[in-house]
Amino acid sequence: MNEDILHRLEQLETRLAFQDDTIEQLNLEVTTLSADNARLKSQLSLMVKKLKELQPGEVAPEAEETPPPHY
């Protein structure tokens, strides 16, 4: 019975080690995605700002736009 407990303890320790590694990998991925998200938000803000700065004559109203070729 003592060997059974030791075997189960080893299995738990192995699982814990794999879980720690998985958590670390996921943490790195979340950190990377968070940085990407911040960069994309910044770029989107810049694009919105530039669109707002366009002269009204530079963008045709939607009614004047020609329909796409698939129509």
PDB file of N, CA and C in Angstrom:
ATOM      1  N   MET A   1       0.822  -1.187   0.000  1.00  0.00           N
ATOM      2  CA  MET A   1       0.000   0.000   0.000  1.00  0.00           C
ATOM      3  C   MET A   1       0.867   1.252   0.000  1.00  0.00           C
ATOM      4  N   ASN A   2       1.962   1.218   0.680  1.00  0.00           N
ATOM      5  CA  ASN A   2       2.871   2.358   0.731  1.00  0.00           C
ATOM      6  C   ASN A   2       3.408   2.679  -0.660  1.00  0.00           C
ATOM      7  N   GLU A   3       3.691   1.630  -1.438  1.00  0.00           N
ATOM      8  CA  GLU A   3       4.177   1.839  -2.806  1.00  0.00           C
ATOM      9  C   GLU A   3       3.091   2.480  -3.671  1.00  0.00           C
ATOM     10  N   ASP A   4       1.855   2.103  -3.430  1.00  0.00           N
ATOM     11  CA  ASP A   4       0.743   2.689  -4.180  1.00  0.00           C
ATOM     12  C   ASP A   4       0.645   4.193  -3.904  1.00  0.00           C
ATOM     13  N   ILE A   5       0.790   4.571  -2.670  1.00  0.00           N
ATOM     14  CA  ILE A   5       0.742   5.991  -2.304  1.00  0.00           C
ATOM     15  C   ILE A   5       1.914   6.734  -2.937  1.00  0.00           C
ATOM     16  N   LEU A   6       3.100   6.141  -2.914  1.00  0.00           N
ATOM     17  CA  LEU A   6       4.265   6.774  -3.533  1.00  0.00           C
ATOM     18  C   LEU A   6       4.073   6.922  -5.045  1.00  0.00           C
ATOM     19  N   HIS A   7       3.507   5.900  -5.673  1.00  0.00           N
ATOM     20  CA  HIS A   7       3.253   5.958  -7.112  1.00  0.00           C
ATOM     21  C   HIS A   7       2.251   7.070  -7.435  1.00  0.00           C
ATOM     22  N   ARG A   8       1.188   7.168  -6.656  1.00  0.00           N
ATOM     23  CA  ARG A   8       0.197   8.218  -6.873  1.00  0.00           C
ATOM     24  C   ARG A   8       0.800   9.593  -6.635  1.00  0.00           C
ATOM     25  N   LEU A   9       1.664   9.702  -5.643  1.00  0.00           N
ATOM     26  CA  LEU A   9       2.332  10.973  -5.364  1.00  0.00           C
ATOM     27  C   LEU A   9       3.233  11.373  -6.531  1.00  0.00           C
ATOM     28  N   GLU A  10       3.953  10.416  -7.092  1.00  0.00           N
ATOM     29  CA  GLU A  10       4.800  10.695  -8.255  1.00  0.00           C
ATOM     30  C   GLU A  10       3.957  11.162  -9.442  1.00  0.00           C
ATOM     31  N   GLN A  11       2.818  10.513  -9.642  1.00  0.00           N
ATOM     32  CA  GLN A  11       1.934  10.924 -10.736  1.00  0.00           C
ATOM     33  C   GLN A  11       1.438  12.357 -10.537  1.00  0.00           C
ATOM     34  N   LEU A  12       1.072  12.673  -9.318  1.00  0.00           N
ATOM     35  CA  LEU A  12       0.608  14.030  -9.027  1.00  0.00           C
ATOM     36  C   LEU A  12       1.721  15.059  -9.240  1.00  0.00           C
ATOM     37  N   GLU A  13       2.927  14.723  -8.821  1.00  0.00           N
ATOM     38  CA  GLU A  13       4.056  15.638  -9.008  1.00  0.00           C
ATOM     39  C   GLU A  13       4.355  15.838 -10.494  1.00  0.00           C
ATOM     40  N   THR A  14       4.233  14.759 -11.266  1.00  0.00           N
ATOM     41  CA  THR A  14       4.452  14.861 -12.712  1.00  0.00           C
ATOM     42  C   THR A  14       3.390  15.747 -13.350  1.00  0.00           C
ATOM     43  N   ARG A  15       2.146  15.525 -12.974  1.00  0.00           N
ATOM     44  CA  ARG A  15       1.064  16.360 -13.506  1.00  0.00           C
ATOM     45  C   ARG A  15       1.269  17.827 -13.138  1.00  0.00           C
ATOM     46  N   LEU A  16       1.669  18.062 -11.915  1.00  0.00           N
ATOM     47  CA  LEU A  16       1.900  19.431 -11.455  1.00  0.00           C
ATOM     48  C   LEU A  16       3.005  20.101 -12.265  1.00  0.00           C
ATOM     49  N   ALA A  17       4.056  19.362 -12.555  1.00  0.00           N
ATOM     50  CA  ALA A  17       5.153  19.917 -13.351  1.00  0.00           C
ATOM     51  C   ALA A  17       4.668  20.282 -14.751  1.00  0.00           C
ATOM     52  N   PHE A  18       3.878  19.409 -15.371  1.00  0.00           N
ATOM     53  CA  PHE A  18       3.335  19.704 -16.698  1.00  0.00           C
ATOM     54  C   PHE A  18       2.379  20.896 -16.650  1.00  0.00           C
ATOM     55  N   GLN A  19       1.577  20.968 -15.600  1.00  0.00           N
ATOM     56  CA  GLN A  19       0.651  22.090 -15.469  1.00  0.00           C
ATOM     57  C   GLN A  19       1.404  23.406 -15.283  1.00  0.00           C
ATOM     58  N   ASP A  20       2.463  23.388 -14.492  1.00  0.00           N
ATOM     59  CA  ASP A  20       3.280  24.594 -14.317  1.00  0.00           C
ATOM     60  C   ASP A  20       3.856  25.053 -15.648  1.00  0.00           C
ATOM     61  N   ASP A  21       4.335  24.106 -16.438  1.00  0.00           N
ATOM     62  CA  ASP A  21       4.891  24.445 -17.747  1.00  0.00           C
ATOM     63  C   ASP A  21       3.809  25.015 -18.668  1.00  0.00           C
ATOM     64  N   THR A  22       2.651  24.391 -18.656  1.00  0.00           N
ATOM     65  CA  THR A  22       1.541  24.867 -19.487  1.00  0.00           C
ATOM     66  C   THR A  22       1.111  26.269 -19.073  1.00  0.00           C
ATOM     67  N   ILE A  23       1.026  26.505 -17.783  1.00  0.00           N
ATOM     68  CA  ILE A  23       0.647  27.833 -17.289  1.00  0.00           C
ATOM     69  C   ILE A  23       1.666  28.871 -17.729  1.00  0.00           C
ATOM     70  N   GLU A  24       2.930  28.553 -17.665  1.00  0.00           N
ATOM     71  CA  GLU A  24       3.976  29.485 -18.095  1.00  0.00           C
ATOM     72  C   GLU A  24       3.857  29.786 -19.588  1.00  0.00           C
ATOM     73  N   GLN A  25       3.619  28.757 -20.392  1.00  0.00           N
ATOM     74  CA  GLN A  25       3.447  28.962 -21.838  1.00  0.00           C
ATOM     75  C   GLN A  25       2.228  29.834 -22.130  1.00  0.00           C
ATOM     76  N   LEU A  26       1.129  29.566 -21.432  1.00  0.00           N
ATOM     77  CA  LEU A  26      -0.079  30.365 -21.630  1.00  0.00           C
ATOM     78  C   LEU A  26       0.137  31.808 -21.190  1.00  0.00           C
ATOM     79  N   ASN A  27       0.869  32.000 -20.106  1.00  0.00           N
ATOM     80  CA  ASN A  27       1.171  33.346 -19.631  1.00  0.00           C
ATOM     81  C   ASN A  27       1.971  34.122 -20.674  1.00  0.00           C
ATOM     82  N   LEU A  28       2.955  33.468 -21.275  1.00  0.00           N
ATOM     83  CA  LEU A  28       3.743  34.123 -22.320  1.00  0.00           C
ATOM     84  C   LEU A  28       2.866  34.481 -23.517  1.00  0.00           C
ATOM     85  N   GLU A  29       1.969  33.593 -23.881  1.00  0.00           N
ATOM     86  CA  GLU A  29       1.073  33.852 -25.013  1.00  0.00           C
ATOM     87  C   GLU A  29       0.135  35.019 -24.706  1.00  0.00           C
ATOM     88  N   VAL A  30      -0.414  35.050 -23.506  1.00  0.00           N
ATOM     89  CA  VAL A  30      -1.305  36.147 -23.120  1.00  0.00           C
ATOM     90  C   VAL A  30      -0.548  37.472 -23.129  1.00  0.00           C
ATOM     91  N   THR A  31       0.678  37.469 -22.641  1.00  0.00           N
ATOM     92  CA  THR A  31       1.494  38.682 -22.640  1.00  0.00           C
ATOM     93  C   THR A  31       1.751  39.159 -24.063  1.00  0.00           C
ATOM     94  N   THR A  32       2.084  38.237 -24.948  1.00  0.00           N
ATOM     95  CA  THR A  32       2.323  38.587 -26.351  1.00  0.00           C
ATOM     96  C   THR A  32       1.058  39.141 -26.996  1.00  0.00           C
ATOM     97  N   LEU A  33      -0.067  38.477 -26.778  1.00  0.00           N
ATOM     98  CA  LEU A  33      -1.327  38.929 -27.364  1.00  0.00           C
ATOM     99  C   LEU A  33      -1.753  40.283 -26.804  1.00  0.00           C
ATOM    100  N   SER A  34      -1.472  40.517 -25.543  1.00  0.00           N
ATOM    101  CA  SER A  34      -1.796  41.807 -24.938  1.00  0.00           C
ATOM    102  C   SER A  34      -0.993  42.928 -25.587  1.00  0.00           C
ATOM    103  N   ALA A  35       0.282  42.677 -25.828  1.00  0.00           N
ATOM    104  CA  ALA A  35       1.125  43.677 -26.494  1.00  0.00           C
ATOM    105  C   ALA A  35       0.647  43.904 -27.926  1.00  0.00           C
ATOM    106  N   ASP A  36       0.299  42.826 -28.626  1.00  0.00           N
ATOM    107  CA  ASP A  36      -0.228  42.951 -29.990  1.00  0.00           C
ATOM    108  C   ASP A  36      -1.523  43.761 -29.991  1.00  0.00           C
ATOM    109  N   ASN A  37      -2.385  43.490 -29.028  1.00  0.00           N
ATOM    110  CA  ASN A  37      -3.656  44.191 -28.925  1.00  0.00           C
ATOM    111  C   ASN A  37      -3.432  45.688 -28.697  1.00  0.00           C
ATOM    112  N   ALA A  38      -2.508  46.037 -27.824  1.00  0.00           N
ATOM    113  CA  ALA A  38      -2.207  47.449 -27.565  1.00  0.00           C
ATOM    114  C   ALA A  38      -1.681  48.128 -28.826  1.00  0.00           C
ATOM    115  N   ARG A  39      -0.822  47.435 -29.563  1.00  0.00           N
ATOM    116  CA  ARG A  39      -0.267  47.987 -30.804  1.00  0.00           C
ATOM    117  C   ARG A  39      -1.369  48.191 -31.836  1.00  0.00           C
ATOM    118  N   LEU A  40      -2.258  47.216 -31.966  1.00  0.00           N
ATOM    119  CA  LEU A  40      -3.351  47.322 -32.934  1.00  0.00           C
ATOM    120  C   LEU A  40      -4.326  48.439 -32.561  1.00  0.00           C
ATOM    121  N   LYS A  41      -4.586  48.603 -31.273  1.00  0.00           N
ATOM    122  CA  LYS A  41      -5.456  49.699 -30.835  1.00  0.00           C
ATOM    123  C   LYS A  41      -4.843  51.045 -31.189  1.00  0.00           C
ATOM    124  N   SER A  42      -3.552  51.153 -30.990  1.00  0.00           N
ATOM    125  CA  SER A  42      -2.858  52.393 -31.321  1.00  0.00           C
ATOM    126  C   SER A  42      -2.942  52.677 -32.815  1.00  0.00           C
ATOM    127  N   GLN A  43      -2.710  51.659 -33.623  1.00  0.00           N
ATOM    128  CA  GLN A  43      -2.792  51.828 -35.072  1.00  0.00           C
ATOM    129  C   GLN A  43      -4.213  52.189 -35.506  1.00  0.00           C
ATOM    130  N   LEU A  44      -5.208  51.565 -34.897  1.00  0.00           N
ATOM    131  CA  LEU A  44      -6.595  51.864 -35.231  1.00  0.00           C
ATOM    132  C   LEU A  44      -6.931  53.308 -34.875  1.00  0.00           C
ATOM    133  N   SER A  45      -6.485  53.759 -33.719  1.00  0.00           N
ATOM    134  CA  SER A  45      -6.723  55.147 -33.323  1.00  0.00           C
ATOM    135  C   SER A  45      -6.105  56.108 -34.324  1.00  0.00           C
ATOM    136  N   LEU A  46      -4.901  55.804 -34.769  1.00  0.00           N
ATOM    137  CA  LEU A  46      -4.234  56.652 -35.754  1.00  0.00           C
ATOM    138  C   LEU A  46      -5.011  56.666 -37.071  1.00  0.00           C
ATOM    139  N   MET A  47      -5.491  55.520 -37.501  1.00  0.00           N
ATOM    140  CA  MET A  47      -6.264  55.454 -38.744  1.00  0.00           C
ATOM    141  C   MET A  47      -7.562  56.252 -38.625  1.00  0.00           C
ATOM    142  N   VAL A  48      -8.242  56.143 -37.499  1.00  0.00           N
ATOM    143  CA  VAL A  48      -9.478  56.895 -37.286  1.00  0.00           C
ATOM    144  C   VAL A  48      -9.186  58.386 -37.322  1.00  0.00           C
ATOM    145  N   LYS A  49      -8.108  58.785 -36.667  1.00  0.00           N
ATOM    146  CA  LYS A  49      -7.721  60.201 -36.655  1.00  0.00           C
ATOM    147  C   LYS A  49      -7.460  60.694 -38.078  1.00  0.00           C
ATOM    148  N   LYS A  50      -6.738  59.916 -38.863  1.00  0.00           N
ATOM    149  CA  LYS A  50      -6.432  60.320 -40.235  1.00  0.00           C
ATOM    150  C   LYS A  50      -7.696  60.379 -41.090  1.00  0.00           C
ATOM    151  N   LEU A  51      -8.615  59.453 -40.893  1.00  0.00           N
ATOM    152  CA  LEU A  51      -9.872  59.484 -41.643  1.00  0.00           C
ATOM    153  C   LEU A  51     -10.682  60.732 -41.304  1.00  0.00           C
ATOM    154  N   LYS A  52     -10.685  61.106 -40.035  1.00  0.00           N
ATOM    155  CA  LYS A  52     -11.427  62.295 -39.623  1.00  0.00           C
ATOM    156  C   LYS A  52     -10.804  63.568 -40.183  1.00  0.00           C
ATOM    157  N   GLU A  53      -9.500  63.535 -40.428  1.00  0.00           N
ATOM    158  CA  GLU A  53      -8.807  64.709 -40.943  1.00  0.00           C
ATOM    159  C   GLU A  53      -8.989  64.895 -42.446  1.00  0.00           C
ATOM    160  N   LEU A  54      -9.483  63.889 -43.135  1.00  0.00           N
ATOM    161  CA  LEU A  54      -9.661  63.991 -44.583  1.00  0.00           C
ATOM    162  C   LEU A  54     -10.625  65.124 -44.919  1.00  0.00           C
ATOM    163  N   GLN A  55     -10.348  65.795 -46.007  1.00  0.00           N
ATOM    164  CA  GLN A  55     -11.256  66.838 -46.497  1.00  0.00           C
ATOM    165  C   GLN A  55     -12.549  66.165 -46.948  1.00  0.00           C
ATOM    166  N   PRO A  56     -13.682  66.821 -46.769  1.00  0.00           N
ATOM    167  CA  PRO A  56     -14.947  66.210 -47.204  1.00  0.00           C
ATOM    168  C   PRO A  56     -14.957  65.850 -48.686  1.00  0.00           C
ATOM    169  N   GLY A  57     -14.255  66.607 -49.516  1.00  0.00           N
ATOM    170  CA  GLY A  57     -14.232  66.325 -50.939  1.00  0.00           C
ATOM    171  C   GLY A  57     -13.390  65.123 -51.308  1.00  0.00           C
ATOM    172  N   GLU A  58     -12.561  64.647 -50.388  1.00  0.00           N
ATOM    173  CA  GLU A  58     -11.675  63.521 -50.684  1.00  0.00           C
ATOM    174  C   GLU A  58     -12.388  62.176 -50.596  1.00  0.00           C
ATOM    175  N   VAL A  59     -13.518  62.166 -49.924  1.00  0.00           N
ATOM    176  CA  VAL A  59     -14.271  60.924 -49.771  1.00  0.00           C
ATOM    177  C   VAL A  59     -15.653  61.149 -50.362  1.00  0.00           C
ATOM    178  N   ALA A  60     -16.026  60.322 -51.320  1.00  0.00           N
ATOM    179  CA  ALA A  60     -17.341  60.453 -51.950  1.00  0.00           C
ATOM    180  C   ALA A  60     -18.415  59.927 -51.015  1.00  0.00           C
ATOM    181  N   PRO A  61     -19.593  60.575 -51.021  1.00  0.00           N
ATOM    182  CA  PRO A  61     -20.693  60.036 -50.213  1.00  0.00           C
ATOM    183  C   PRO A  61     -21.058  58.635 -50.695  1.00  0.00           C
ATOM    184  N   GLU A  62     -21.625  57.870 -49.815  1.00  0.00           N
ATOM    185  CA  GLU A  62     -21.952  56.473 -50.144  1.00  0.00           C
ATOM    186  C   GLU A  62     -22.893  56.385 -51.343  1.00  0.00           C
ATOM    187  N   ALA A  63     -23.814  57.341 -51.478  1.00  0.00           N
ATOM    188  CA  ALA A  63     -24.768  57.318 -52.591  1.00  0.00           C
ATOM    189  C   ALA A  63     -24.065  57.502 -53.932  1.00  0.00           C
ATOM    190  N   GLU A  64     -22.918  58.172 -53.936  1.00  0.00           N
ATOM    191  CA  GLU A  64     -22.191  58.431 -55.176  1.00  0.00           C
ATOM    192  C   GLU A  64     -21.191  57.334 -55.525  1.00  0.00           C
ATOM    193  N   GLU A  65     -20.945  56.438 -54.621  1.00  0.00           N
ATOM    194  CA  GLU A  65     -19.988  55.360 -54.867  1.00  0.00           C
ATOM    195  C   GLU A  65     -20.543  54.402 -55.910  1.00  0.00           C
ATOM    196  N   THR A  66     -19.691  53.955 -56.803  1.00  0.00           N
ATOM    197  CA  THR A  66     -20.124  52.952 -57.771  1.00  0.00           C
ATOM    198  C   THR A  66     -20.190  51.599 -57.078  1.00  0.00           C
ATOM    199  N   PRO A  67     -21.175  50.796 -57.444  1.00  0.00           N
ATOM    200  CA  PRO A  67     -21.285  49.492 -56.777  1.00  0.00           C
ATOM    201  C   PRO A  67     -20.104  48.599 -57.145  1.00  0.00           C
ATOM    202  N   PRO A  68     -19.771  47.680 -56.266  1.00  0.00           N
ATOM    203  CA  PRO A  68     -18.683  46.751 -56.551  1.00  0.00           C
ATOM    204  C   PRO A  68     -19.008  45.894 -57.772  1.00  0.00           C
ATOM    205  N   PRO A  69     -18.005  45.299 -58.405  1.00  0.00           N
ATOM    206  CA  PRO A  69     -18.206  44.541 -59.644  1.00  0.00           C
ATOM    207  C   PRO A  69     -19.152  43.345 -59.512  1.00  0.00           C
ATOM    208  N   HIS A  70     -19.345  42.818 -58.328  1.00  0.00           N
ATOM    209  CA  HIS A  70     -20.183  41.625 -58.201  1.00  0.00           C
ATOM    210  C   HIS A  70     -21.674  41.944 -58.211  1.00  0.00           C
ATOM    211  N   TYR A  71     -22.059  43.208 -58.313  1.00  0.00           N
ATOM    212  CA  TYR A  71     -23.480  43.578 -58.380  1.00  0.00           C
ATOM    213  C   TYR A  71     -23.975  43.575 -59.789  1.00  0.00           C
TER     214      TYR A  71
END
